[in-house]
Amino acid sequence: MEELKGLKDVLERVEGKLLVVKYVHAALAFIYWTTVLAVFYLILDIVRRIPEEYAMAFWIFAMILYYPIWRITKKIWSKPKDFSLRSFALKTFPVFLILILSFYVVGVVATFISSNRAIAISTLCLISAYLLIIALIVKAKEGRFPKEMLPAIFTFAFSPLVLIVDDPLIFIGYVIMATYGVTALIFLIKAVGVVEDGGS
């Protein structure tokens, strides 16, 4: 009986450590992109204007640097639990529908507002849609929706403010940094909570 209890304690500790690692790696992903965006804005503030080819090179380089983090995070989160491609397709279809509609809505909105504001709104909507798809993938694989991602998923909620700010493209950068930062903080708080509960 004592051996079974000891085995149970070991399994709980292992499960706790795995959960901590998952939370930390999820936080790392959001922190990485928050830092990259902050560096981009810092450069932009110094040089005032970045040519499109240099801006594109910057983001391509950032994605290349992110690959090792993505590969490790993907490996950690890639243990399926009753994963069905058909059920996943049914769950994600509304997301793709929303994605397509967002392009249509932005196209209509662009006829009434400036192109920069339309681009800003579409960017916020696309980021939210992308993160929602990621969250649904995690839900399909893990059987649990990652509520920790909700602040980043609700990035689109700031879209109405795009209509009243002076520089919409700068504004959405701060919105992304703020929502990603809060999401990363929530993941880290959850990781600390697991450790304090005896997961370490």
N, C-alpha and C. Protein backbone atom coordinates (compact mmCIF):
# COMPACT_ATOMS: atom_id res chain seq x y z
N MET A 1 0.83 -1.20 0.00
CA MET A 1 0.00 0.00 0.00
C MET A 1 0.87 1.26 0.00
N GLU A 2 1.92 1.23 0.84
CA GLU A 2 2.83 2.36 0.90
C GLU A 2 3.58 2.54 -0.42
N GLU A 3 3.87 1.40 -1.09
CA GLU A 3 4.55 1.49 -2.39
C GLU A 3 3.66 2.16 -3.43
N LEU A 4 2.37 1.83 -3.41
CA LEU A 4 1.44 2.45 -4.34
C LEU A 4 1.32 3.95 -4.07
N LYS A 5 1.31 4.30 -2.78
CA LYS A 5 1.22 5.71 -2.42
C LYS A 5 2.47 6.46 -2.88
N GLY A 6 3.63 5.80 -2.70
CA GLY A 6 4.88 6.41 -3.14
C GLY A 6 4.92 6.59 -4.65
N LEU A 7 4.41 5.59 -5.37
CA LEU A 7 4.36 5.67 -6.83
C LEU A 7 3.44 6.80 -7.28
N LYS A 8 2.31 6.92 -6.58
CA LYS A 8 1.37 7.99 -6.91
C LYS A 8 2.01 9.37 -6.71
N ASP A 9 2.79 9.50 -5.60
CA ASP A 9 3.46 10.78 -5.33
C ASP A 9 4.48 11.11 -6.42
N VAL A 10 5.20 10.07 -6.86
CA VAL A 10 6.20 10.26 -7.92
C VAL A 10 5.53 10.70 -9.21
N LEU A 11 4.43 10.03 -9.58
CA LEU A 11 3.71 10.37 -10.80
C LEU A 11 3.16 11.79 -10.75
N GLU A 12 2.66 12.18 -9.58
CA GLU A 12 2.12 13.53 -9.43
C GLU A 12 3.22 14.58 -9.58
N ARG A 13 4.42 14.26 -9.03
CA ARG A 13 5.54 15.20 -9.16
C ARG A 13 5.99 15.32 -10.61
N VAL A 14 6.04 14.18 -11.31
CA VAL A 14 6.44 14.19 -12.71
C VAL A 14 5.43 14.98 -13.54
N GLU A 15 4.13 14.73 -13.27
CA GLU A 15 3.08 15.46 -13.99
C GLU A 15 3.17 16.95 -13.71
N GLY A 16 3.47 17.28 -12.44
CA GLY A 16 3.60 18.69 -12.06
C GLY A 16 4.76 19.35 -12.77
N LYS A 17 5.89 18.64 -12.87
CA LYS A 17 7.06 19.20 -13.56
C LYS A 17 6.76 19.41 -15.03
N LEU A 18 6.06 18.46 -15.65
CA LEU A 18 5.72 18.59 -17.07
C LEU A 18 4.81 19.79 -17.28
N LEU A 19 3.86 20.00 -16.36
CA LEU A 19 2.95 21.13 -16.46
C LEU A 19 3.71 22.45 -16.33
N VAL A 20 4.66 22.49 -15.41
CA VAL A 20 5.48 23.69 -15.22
C VAL A 20 6.25 24.01 -16.50
N VAL A 21 6.85 22.96 -17.09
CA VAL A 21 7.61 23.14 -18.33
C VAL A 21 6.71 23.67 -19.45
N LYS A 22 5.50 23.14 -19.55
CA LYS A 22 4.56 23.60 -20.57
C LYS A 22 4.22 25.08 -20.37
N TYR A 23 3.92 25.45 -19.14
CA TYR A 23 3.57 26.84 -18.86
C TYR A 23 4.73 27.78 -19.18
N VAL A 24 5.94 27.38 -18.77
CA VAL A 24 7.11 28.23 -18.98
C VAL A 24 7.40 28.40 -20.48
N HIS A 25 7.30 27.31 -21.23
CA HIS A 25 7.57 27.42 -22.67
C HIS A 25 6.50 28.23 -23.39
N ALA A 26 5.25 28.13 -22.96
CA ALA A 26 4.19 28.95 -23.54
C ALA A 26 4.46 30.42 -23.24
N ALA A 27 4.86 30.71 -22.01
CA ALA A 27 5.20 32.09 -21.63
C ALA A 27 6.38 32.59 -22.44
N LEU A 28 7.36 31.72 -22.66
CA LEU A 28 8.56 32.09 -23.42
C LEU A 28 8.20 32.54 -24.83
N ALA A 29 7.25 31.86 -25.46
CA ALA A 29 6.84 32.22 -26.81
C ALA A 29 6.26 33.64 -26.85
N PHE A 30 5.39 33.97 -25.89
CA PHE A 30 4.79 35.30 -25.86
C PHE A 30 5.81 36.36 -25.49
N ILE A 31 6.72 36.03 -24.56
CA ILE A 31 7.75 36.98 -24.16
C ILE A 31 8.68 37.27 -25.34
N TYR A 32 9.00 36.23 -26.11
CA TYR A 32 9.89 36.41 -27.25
C TYR A 32 9.32 37.45 -28.23
N TRP A 33 8.06 37.26 -28.62
CA TRP A 33 7.48 38.17 -29.61
C TRP A 33 7.25 39.56 -29.05
N THR A 34 6.98 39.65 -27.75
CA THR A 34 6.87 40.96 -27.11
C THR A 34 8.21 41.69 -27.17
N THR A 35 9.29 40.96 -26.90
CA THR A 35 10.63 41.55 -26.95
C THR A 35 11.00 41.96 -28.37
N VAL A 36 10.71 41.10 -29.34
CA VAL A 36 11.02 41.41 -30.74
C VAL A 36 10.30 42.68 -31.18
N LEU A 37 9.03 42.78 -30.83
CA LEU A 37 8.25 43.96 -31.22
C LEU A 37 8.80 45.21 -30.53
N ALA A 38 9.20 45.08 -29.27
CA ALA A 38 9.78 46.21 -28.54
C ALA A 38 11.08 46.67 -29.20
N VAL A 39 11.91 45.72 -29.61
CA VAL A 39 13.17 46.05 -30.30
C VAL A 39 12.88 46.75 -31.63
N PHE A 40 11.87 46.25 -32.35
CA PHE A 40 11.49 46.85 -33.63
C PHE A 40 11.07 48.30 -33.43
N TYR A 41 10.27 48.55 -32.40
CA TYR A 41 9.81 49.91 -32.12
C TYR A 41 10.96 50.80 -31.68
N LEU A 42 11.91 50.22 -30.94
CA LEU A 42 13.08 50.98 -30.50
C LEU A 42 13.90 51.44 -31.71
N ILE A 43 14.11 50.52 -32.65
CA ILE A 43 14.83 50.86 -33.88
C ILE A 43 14.06 51.91 -34.67
N LEU A 44 12.74 51.72 -34.75
CA LEU A 44 11.90 52.66 -35.49
C LEU A 44 11.95 54.05 -34.88
N ASP A 45 12.02 54.12 -33.56
CA ASP A 45 12.07 55.42 -32.88
C ASP A 45 13.39 56.13 -33.14
N ILE A 46 14.46 55.35 -33.34
CA ILE A 46 15.79 55.92 -33.58
C ILE A 46 15.94 56.40 -35.02
N VAL A 47 15.55 55.53 -35.97
CA VAL A 47 15.77 55.85 -37.40
C VAL A 47 14.57 56.55 -38.03
N ARG A 48 13.44 56.60 -37.29
CA ARG A 48 12.20 57.25 -37.74
C ARG A 48 11.46 56.47 -38.82
N ARG A 49 12.14 55.91 -39.77
CA ARG A 49 11.48 55.15 -40.82
C ARG A 49 12.36 53.98 -41.25
N ILE A 50 11.75 52.78 -41.33
CA ILE A 50 12.47 51.59 -41.76
C ILE A 50 11.97 51.20 -43.15
N PRO A 51 12.85 51.14 -44.14
CA PRO A 51 12.42 50.70 -45.48
C PRO A 51 11.77 49.32 -45.42
N GLU A 52 10.80 49.08 -46.29
CA GLU A 52 10.03 47.84 -46.25
C GLU A 52 10.90 46.60 -46.34
N GLU A 53 11.95 46.64 -47.21
CA GLU A 53 12.80 45.45 -47.36
C GLU A 53 13.58 45.15 -46.08
N TYR A 54 14.00 46.21 -45.35
CA TYR A 54 14.70 46.00 -44.09
C TYR A 54 13.74 45.51 -43.00
N ALA A 55 12.53 46.04 -43.01
CA ALA A 55 11.53 45.59 -42.03
C ALA A 55 11.20 44.12 -42.25
N MET A 56 11.05 43.74 -43.52
CA MET A 56 10.77 42.34 -43.83
C MET A 56 11.93 41.43 -43.42
N ALA A 57 13.15 41.89 -43.68
CA ALA A 57 14.34 41.11 -43.29
C ALA A 57 14.40 40.95 -41.77
N PHE A 58 14.03 42.01 -41.05
CA PHE A 58 14.03 41.96 -39.59
C PHE A 58 13.08 40.87 -39.08
N TRP A 59 11.85 40.84 -39.62
CA TRP A 59 10.85 39.87 -39.14
C TRP A 59 11.18 38.45 -39.60
N ILE A 60 11.77 38.30 -40.77
CA ILE A 60 12.20 36.97 -41.20
C ILE A 60 13.30 36.45 -40.28
N PHE A 61 14.24 37.33 -39.95
CA PHE A 61 15.33 36.95 -39.03
C PHE A 61 14.76 36.59 -37.65
N ALA A 62 13.76 37.36 -37.20
CA ALA A 62 13.12 37.08 -35.91
C ALA A 62 12.45 35.71 -35.92
N MET A 63 11.80 35.36 -37.04
CA MET A 63 11.14 34.05 -37.15
C MET A 63 12.17 32.91 -37.16
N ILE A 64 13.31 33.16 -37.81
CA ILE A 64 14.37 32.15 -37.83
C ILE A 64 14.90 31.91 -36.42
N LEU A 65 15.10 33.00 -35.67
CA LEU A 65 15.59 32.88 -34.30
C LEU A 65 14.56 32.20 -33.40
N TYR A 66 13.28 32.37 -33.74
CA TYR A 66 12.22 31.78 -32.93
C TYR A 66 12.08 30.28 -33.16
N TYR A 67 12.58 29.76 -34.26
CA TYR A 67 12.37 28.37 -34.63
C TYR A 67 12.77 27.38 -33.53
N PRO A 68 13.96 27.52 -32.89
CA PRO A 68 14.31 26.57 -31.82
C PRO A 68 13.30 26.56 -30.67
N ILE A 69 12.79 27.75 -30.32
CA ILE A 69 11.78 27.82 -29.26
C ILE A 69 10.51 27.12 -29.71
N TRP A 70 10.08 27.39 -30.93
CA TRP A 70 8.86 26.78 -31.47
C TRP A 70 8.99 25.26 -31.52
N ARG A 71 10.16 24.76 -31.94
CA ARG A 71 10.35 23.32 -32.07
C ARG A 71 10.25 22.62 -30.72
N ILE A 72 10.87 23.21 -29.70
CA ILE A 72 10.80 22.62 -28.36
C ILE A 72 9.38 22.70 -27.81
N THR A 73 8.74 23.87 -27.96
CA THR A 73 7.38 24.04 -27.46
C THR A 73 6.42 23.08 -28.16
N LYS A 74 6.57 22.93 -29.47
CA LYS A 74 5.72 22.02 -30.23
C LYS A 74 5.88 20.58 -29.73
N LYS A 75 7.13 20.21 -29.43
CA LYS A 75 7.40 18.85 -28.96
C LYS A 75 6.74 18.62 -27.60
N ILE A 76 6.78 19.63 -26.74
CA ILE A 76 6.21 19.50 -25.39
C ILE A 76 4.69 19.40 -25.44
N TRP A 77 4.06 20.18 -26.35
CA TRP A 77 2.60 20.22 -26.42
C TRP A 77 2.02 19.23 -27.41
N SER A 78 2.86 18.33 -27.97
CA SER A 78 2.38 17.48 -29.07
C SER A 78 2.00 16.06 -28.65
N LYS A 79 1.54 15.88 -27.42
CA LYS A 79 1.09 14.56 -27.00
C LYS A 79 -0.42 14.50 -27.13
N PRO A 80 -0.95 13.90 -28.19
CA PRO A 80 -2.40 13.90 -28.42
C PRO A 80 -3.16 13.04 -27.42
N LYS A 81 -4.36 13.48 -27.15
CA LYS A 81 -5.25 12.74 -26.27
C LYS A 81 -6.60 12.64 -26.97
N ASP A 82 -6.87 11.44 -27.52
CA ASP A 82 -8.11 11.23 -28.28
C ASP A 82 -8.26 12.30 -29.37
N PHE A 83 -7.17 12.54 -30.09
CA PHE A 83 -7.17 13.57 -31.13
C PHE A 83 -7.78 13.02 -32.40
N SER A 84 -8.77 13.71 -32.92
CA SER A 84 -9.42 13.32 -34.16
C SER A 84 -9.34 14.47 -35.15
N LEU A 85 -8.78 14.20 -36.33
CA LEU A 85 -8.65 15.23 -37.35
C LEU A 85 -10.02 15.76 -37.76
N ARG A 86 -11.00 14.86 -37.84
CA ARG A 86 -12.35 15.27 -38.24
C ARG A 86 -12.98 16.20 -37.20
N SER A 87 -12.85 15.83 -35.92
CA SER A 87 -13.43 16.67 -34.88
C SER A 87 -12.72 18.01 -34.80
N PHE A 88 -11.40 17.99 -35.03
CA PHE A 88 -10.65 19.23 -35.01
C PHE A 88 -11.09 20.14 -36.16
N ALA A 89 -11.31 19.54 -37.35
CA ALA A 89 -11.74 20.31 -38.51
C ALA A 89 -13.09 20.98 -38.24
N LEU A 90 -13.98 20.23 -37.59
CA LEU A 90 -15.31 20.77 -37.28
C LEU A 90 -15.21 21.92 -36.27
N LYS A 91 -14.25 21.78 -35.34
CA LYS A 91 -14.09 22.82 -34.32
C LYS A 91 -13.45 24.08 -34.89
N THR A 92 -12.55 23.92 -35.84
CA THR A 92 -11.83 25.07 -36.36
C THR A 92 -12.51 25.74 -37.56
N PHE A 93 -13.50 25.07 -38.13
CA PHE A 93 -14.19 25.66 -39.29
C PHE A 93 -14.77 27.03 -38.97
N PRO A 94 -15.43 27.22 -37.82
CA PRO A 94 -15.94 28.57 -37.51
C PRO A 94 -14.83 29.62 -37.46
N VAL A 95 -13.63 29.20 -37.01
CA VAL A 95 -12.52 30.14 -36.93
C VAL A 95 -12.11 30.61 -38.33
N PHE A 96 -11.99 29.65 -39.25
CA PHE A 96 -11.64 30.02 -40.62
C PHE A 96 -12.73 30.88 -41.25
N LEU A 97 -13.99 30.61 -40.89
CA LEU A 97 -15.09 31.42 -41.40
C LEU A 97 -14.96 32.85 -40.89
N ILE A 98 -14.64 32.99 -39.61
CA ILE A 98 -14.44 34.31 -39.02
C ILE A 98 -13.27 35.01 -39.69
N LEU A 99 -12.22 34.23 -39.99
CA LEU A 99 -11.02 34.77 -40.63
C LEU A 99 -11.37 35.37 -42.00
N ILE A 100 -12.15 34.61 -42.78
CA ILE A 100 -12.55 35.07 -44.11
C ILE A 100 -13.45 36.30 -44.00
N LEU A 101 -14.37 36.26 -43.05
CA LEU A 101 -15.27 37.40 -42.86
C LEU A 101 -14.52 38.65 -42.43
N SER A 102 -13.43 38.44 -41.65
CA SER A 102 -12.66 39.59 -41.18
C SER A 102 -12.04 40.34 -42.36
N PHE A 103 -11.56 39.58 -43.38
CA PHE A 103 -11.03 40.22 -44.57
C PHE A 103 -12.11 41.04 -45.27
N TYR A 104 -13.31 40.49 -45.34
CA TYR A 104 -14.42 41.18 -45.99
C TYR A 104 -14.78 42.45 -45.22
N VAL A 105 -14.87 42.31 -43.90
CA VAL A 105 -15.23 43.45 -43.06
C VAL A 105 -14.18 44.55 -43.18
N VAL A 106 -12.89 44.13 -43.14
CA VAL A 106 -11.82 45.12 -43.26
C VAL A 106 -11.88 45.83 -44.62
N GLY A 107 -12.18 45.06 -45.67
CA GLY A 107 -12.30 45.65 -47.00
C GLY A 107 -13.40 46.70 -47.04
N VAL A 108 -14.51 46.41 -46.38
CA VAL A 108 -15.63 47.36 -46.33
C VAL A 108 -15.24 48.58 -45.50
N VAL A 109 -14.63 48.31 -44.34
CA VAL A 109 -14.23 49.40 -43.44
C VAL A 109 -13.23 50.33 -44.12
N ALA A 110 -12.34 49.74 -44.94
CA ALA A 110 -11.29 50.53 -45.60
C ALA A 110 -11.86 51.57 -46.55
N THR A 111 -13.11 51.40 -46.95
CA THR A 111 -13.73 52.40 -47.84
C THR A 111 -14.17 53.63 -47.06
N PHE A 112 -14.21 53.53 -45.72
CA PHE A 112 -14.65 54.65 -44.90
C PHE A 112 -13.51 55.27 -44.08
N ILE A 113 -12.42 54.51 -43.87
CA ILE A 113 -11.31 55.02 -43.05
C ILE A 113 -10.01 54.90 -43.85
N SER A 114 -8.94 55.40 -43.28
CA SER A 114 -7.64 55.37 -43.95
C SER A 114 -7.12 53.94 -44.05
N SER A 115 -6.21 53.73 -44.98
CA SER A 115 -5.65 52.39 -45.19
C SER A 115 -4.87 51.92 -43.96
N ASN A 116 -4.17 52.84 -43.28
CA ASN A 116 -3.41 52.46 -42.08
C ASN A 116 -4.33 51.94 -40.98
N ARG A 117 -5.49 52.58 -40.82
CA ARG A 117 -6.43 52.13 -39.80
C ARG A 117 -7.04 50.77 -40.18
N ALA A 118 -7.31 50.59 -41.47
CA ALA A 118 -7.84 49.31 -41.92
C ALA A 118 -6.82 48.19 -41.72
N ILE A 119 -5.55 48.49 -42.03
CA ILE A 119 -4.48 47.50 -41.82
C ILE A 119 -4.34 47.18 -40.35
N ALA A 120 -4.43 48.19 -39.49
CA ALA A 120 -4.30 47.99 -38.05
C ALA A 120 -5.42 47.09 -37.52
N ILE A 121 -6.65 47.36 -37.96
CA ILE A 121 -7.79 46.55 -37.52
C ILE A 121 -7.64 45.11 -38.00
N SER A 122 -7.26 44.94 -39.26
CA SER A 122 -7.10 43.58 -39.80
C SER A 122 -5.99 42.84 -39.09
N THR A 123 -4.92 43.53 -38.72
CA THR A 123 -3.81 42.89 -38.00
C THR A 123 -4.26 42.37 -36.65
N LEU A 124 -4.99 43.19 -35.91
CA LEU A 124 -5.49 42.75 -34.60
C LEU A 124 -6.43 41.55 -34.74
N CYS A 125 -7.30 41.59 -35.75
CA CYS A 125 -8.26 40.49 -35.96
C CYS A 125 -7.54 39.20 -36.36
N LEU A 126 -6.55 39.32 -37.24
CA LEU A 126 -5.83 38.14 -37.70
C LEU A 126 -5.00 37.51 -36.58
N ILE A 127 -4.40 38.35 -35.74
CA ILE A 127 -3.63 37.82 -34.60
C ILE A 127 -4.56 37.06 -33.67
N SER A 128 -5.73 37.64 -33.39
CA SER A 128 -6.69 36.97 -32.51
C SER A 128 -7.17 35.65 -33.11
N ALA A 129 -7.46 35.66 -34.42
CA ALA A 129 -7.91 34.44 -35.09
C ALA A 129 -6.83 33.37 -35.07
N TYR A 130 -5.58 33.77 -35.33
CA TYR A 130 -4.46 32.82 -35.32
C TYR A 130 -4.30 32.19 -33.93
N LEU A 131 -4.33 33.01 -32.90
CA LEU A 131 -4.14 32.49 -31.54
C LEU A 131 -5.32 31.62 -31.12
N LEU A 132 -6.51 31.95 -31.60
CA LEU A 132 -7.67 31.11 -31.30
C LEU A 132 -7.51 29.74 -31.95
N ILE A 133 -6.97 29.71 -33.17
CA ILE A 133 -6.71 28.43 -33.84
C ILE A 133 -5.70 27.62 -33.04
N ILE A 134 -4.64 28.27 -32.57
CA ILE A 134 -3.63 27.59 -31.75
C ILE A 134 -4.27 27.03 -30.48
N ALA A 135 -5.12 27.83 -29.85
CA ALA A 135 -5.79 27.39 -28.62
C ALA A 135 -6.69 26.19 -28.88
N LEU A 136 -7.37 26.19 -30.03
CA LEU A 136 -8.24 25.06 -30.37
C LEU A 136 -7.42 23.80 -30.67
N ILE A 137 -6.25 23.98 -31.25
CA ILE A 137 -5.37 22.84 -31.48
C ILE A 137 -4.95 22.22 -30.14
N VAL A 138 -4.58 23.09 -29.20
CA VAL A 138 -4.21 22.61 -27.86
C VAL A 138 -5.39 21.92 -27.20
N LYS A 139 -6.59 22.51 -27.36
CA LYS A 139 -7.81 21.89 -26.80
C LYS A 139 -8.05 20.51 -27.40
N ALA A 140 -7.86 20.39 -28.72
CA ALA A 140 -8.08 19.11 -29.38
C ALA A 140 -7.07 18.06 -28.93
N LYS A 141 -5.85 18.50 -28.67
CA LYS A 141 -4.79 17.55 -28.29
C LYS A 141 -4.78 17.24 -26.80
N GLU A 142 -5.01 18.27 -25.99
CA GLU A 142 -4.88 18.11 -24.55
C GLU A 142 -6.22 17.91 -23.83
N GLY A 143 -7.31 18.21 -24.51
CA GLY A 143 -8.62 18.08 -23.87
C GLY A 143 -8.95 19.24 -22.95
N ARG A 144 -8.17 20.33 -23.04
CA ARG A 144 -8.38 21.49 -22.17
C ARG A 144 -8.08 22.76 -22.94
N PHE A 145 -9.02 23.70 -22.93
CA PHE A 145 -8.80 24.98 -23.61
C PHE A 145 -7.86 25.82 -22.76
N PRO A 146 -6.77 26.34 -23.34
CA PRO A 146 -5.80 27.14 -22.56
C PRO A 146 -6.34 28.55 -22.28
N LYS A 147 -7.07 28.67 -21.19
CA LYS A 147 -7.68 29.97 -20.85
C LYS A 147 -6.61 31.03 -20.60
N GLU A 148 -5.39 30.60 -20.31
CA GLU A 148 -4.30 31.55 -20.07
C GLU A 148 -4.04 32.43 -21.29
N MET A 149 -4.44 31.95 -22.47
CA MET A 149 -4.19 32.69 -23.71
C MET A 149 -5.27 33.73 -24.02
N LEU A 150 -6.30 33.78 -23.21
CA LEU A 150 -7.44 34.66 -23.51
C LEU A 150 -7.05 36.14 -23.67
N PRO A 151 -6.15 36.70 -22.82
CA PRO A 151 -5.79 38.11 -23.04
C PRO A 151 -5.24 38.37 -24.44
N ALA A 152 -4.39 37.46 -24.94
CA ALA A 152 -3.84 37.62 -26.29
C ALA A 152 -4.89 37.35 -27.36
N ILE A 153 -5.76 36.38 -27.10
CA ILE A 153 -6.82 36.06 -28.06
C ILE A 153 -7.77 37.25 -28.23
N PHE A 154 -8.00 37.99 -27.16
CA PHE A 154 -8.92 39.12 -27.22
C PHE A 154 -8.23 40.42 -27.65
N THR A 155 -7.10 40.28 -28.33
CA THR A 155 -6.42 41.45 -28.88
C THR A 155 -7.34 42.27 -29.78
N PHE A 156 -8.21 41.58 -30.52
CA PHE A 156 -9.11 42.25 -31.46
C PHE A 156 -10.07 43.21 -30.77
N ALA A 157 -10.27 43.04 -29.46
CA ALA A 157 -11.22 43.88 -28.73
C ALA A 157 -10.79 45.35 -28.72
N PHE A 158 -9.51 45.60 -29.02
CA PHE A 158 -9.01 46.97 -29.05
C PHE A 158 -9.24 47.65 -30.40
N SER A 159 -9.82 46.91 -31.35
CA SER A 159 -10.03 47.44 -32.70
C SER A 159 -10.79 48.77 -32.74
N PRO A 160 -11.86 48.95 -31.95
CA PRO A 160 -12.58 50.24 -32.02
C PRO A 160 -11.69 51.44 -31.69
N LEU A 161 -10.69 51.24 -30.83
CA LEU A 161 -9.82 52.36 -30.45
C LEU A 161 -8.92 52.79 -31.59
N VAL A 162 -8.73 51.89 -32.56
CA VAL A 162 -7.91 52.23 -33.73
C VAL A 162 -8.48 53.44 -34.46
N LEU A 163 -9.79 53.61 -34.36
CA LEU A 163 -10.47 54.70 -35.09
C LEU A 163 -10.22 56.07 -34.47
N ILE A 164 -9.73 56.11 -33.23
CA ILE A 164 -9.59 57.41 -32.57
C ILE A 164 -8.15 57.78 -32.22
N VAL A 165 -7.20 56.83 -32.36
CA VAL A 165 -5.81 57.14 -32.02
C VAL A 165 -5.14 57.87 -33.18
N ASP A 166 -4.04 58.56 -32.86
CA ASP A 166 -3.33 59.33 -33.88
C ASP A 166 -2.57 58.43 -34.86
N ASP A 167 -1.85 57.47 -34.32
CA ASP A 167 -1.05 56.57 -35.17
C ASP A 167 -1.49 55.13 -34.92
N PRO A 168 -2.38 54.59 -35.75
CA PRO A 168 -2.94 53.25 -35.50
C PRO A 168 -1.90 52.13 -35.54
N LEU A 169 -0.88 52.24 -36.38
CA LEU A 169 0.12 51.17 -36.49
C LEU A 169 1.01 51.12 -35.25
N ILE A 170 1.32 52.28 -34.69
CA ILE A 170 2.08 52.30 -33.43
C ILE A 170 1.19 51.80 -32.29
N PHE A 171 -0.06 52.20 -32.30
CA PHE A 171 -1.00 51.82 -31.24
C PHE A 171 -1.15 50.30 -31.15
N ILE A 172 -1.33 49.63 -32.30
CA ILE A 172 -1.55 48.18 -32.24
C ILE A 172 -0.29 47.46 -31.77
N GLY A 173 0.88 48.06 -32.00
CA GLY A 173 2.11 47.45 -31.47
C GLY A 173 2.09 47.42 -29.96
N TYR A 174 1.67 48.52 -29.36
CA TYR A 174 1.57 48.57 -27.90
C TYR A 174 0.48 47.62 -27.38
N VAL A 175 -0.60 47.52 -28.13
CA VAL A 175 -1.68 46.59 -27.74
C VAL A 175 -1.15 45.16 -27.74
N ILE A 176 -0.43 44.78 -28.79
CA ILE A 176 0.11 43.42 -28.88
C ILE A 176 1.09 43.16 -27.76
N MET A 177 1.98 44.13 -27.50
CA MET A 177 2.95 43.94 -26.42
C MET A 177 2.25 43.79 -25.07
N ALA A 178 1.21 44.59 -24.84
CA ALA A 178 0.49 44.53 -23.57
C ALA A 178 -0.24 43.20 -23.39
N THR A 179 -1.00 42.78 -24.42
CA THR A 179 -1.77 41.54 -24.30
C THR A 179 -0.86 40.31 -24.25
N TYR A 180 0.21 40.32 -25.02
CA TYR A 180 1.17 39.21 -24.97
C TYR A 180 1.88 39.17 -23.62
N GLY A 181 2.22 40.35 -23.10
CA GLY A 181 2.88 40.41 -21.80
C GLY A 181 2.00 39.87 -20.68
N VAL A 182 0.72 40.25 -20.70
CA VAL A 182 -0.22 39.75 -19.69
C VAL A 182 -0.38 38.23 -19.81
N THR A 183 -0.46 37.73 -21.04
CA THR A 183 -0.59 36.29 -21.27
C THR A 183 0.62 35.54 -20.73
N ALA A 184 1.81 36.06 -21.02
CA ALA A 184 3.04 35.43 -20.52
C ALA A 184 3.07 35.44 -18.99
N LEU A 185 2.64 36.55 -18.41
CA LEU A 185 2.61 36.66 -16.95
C LEU A 185 1.67 35.63 -16.33
N ILE A 186 0.51 35.43 -16.95
CA ILE A 186 -0.45 34.44 -16.44
C ILE A 186 0.15 33.04 -16.50
N PHE A 187 0.80 32.70 -17.61
CA PHE A 187 1.44 31.39 -17.73
C PHE A 187 2.50 31.20 -16.64
N LEU A 188 3.31 32.23 -16.37
CA LEU A 188 4.35 32.12 -15.36
C LEU A 188 3.75 32.02 -13.96
N ILE A 189 2.68 32.75 -13.71
CA ILE A 189 2.01 32.65 -12.41
C ILE A 189 1.47 31.24 -12.20
N LYS A 190 0.90 30.65 -13.26
CA LYS A 190 0.39 29.28 -13.18
C LYS A 190 1.53 28.30 -12.90
N ALA A 191 2.68 28.53 -13.54
CA ALA A 191 3.84 27.66 -13.33
C ALA A 191 4.31 27.75 -11.88
N VAL A 192 4.40 28.97 -11.36
CA VAL A 192 4.80 29.16 -9.96
C VAL A 192 3.80 28.49 -9.03
N GLY A 193 2.51 28.60 -9.36
CA GLY A 193 1.47 27.97 -8.53
C GLY A 193 1.62 26.46 -8.47
N VAL A 194 1.96 25.84 -9.60
CA VAL A 194 2.17 24.39 -9.62
C VAL A 194 3.34 24.01 -8.75
N VAL A 195 4.42 24.80 -8.84
CA VAL A 195 5.61 24.52 -8.03
C VAL A 195 5.30 24.65 -6.54
N GLU A 196 4.57 25.70 -6.18
CA GLU A 196 4.23 25.92 -4.76
C GLU A 196 3.29 24.83 -4.23
N ASP A 197 2.50 24.23 -5.13
CA ASP A 197 1.59 23.16 -4.72
C ASP A 197 2.28 21.80 -4.61
N GLY A 198 3.60 21.82 -4.88
CA GLY A 198 4.33 20.57 -4.74
C GLY A 198 4.65 19.90 -6.04
N GLY A 199 4.51 20.64 -7.18
CA GLY A 199 4.80 20.05 -8.48
C GLY A 199 6.26 19.91 -8.78
N SER A 200 7.12 20.59 -7.98
CA SER A 200 8.56 20.50 -8.27
C SER A 200 9.17 19.29 -7.61
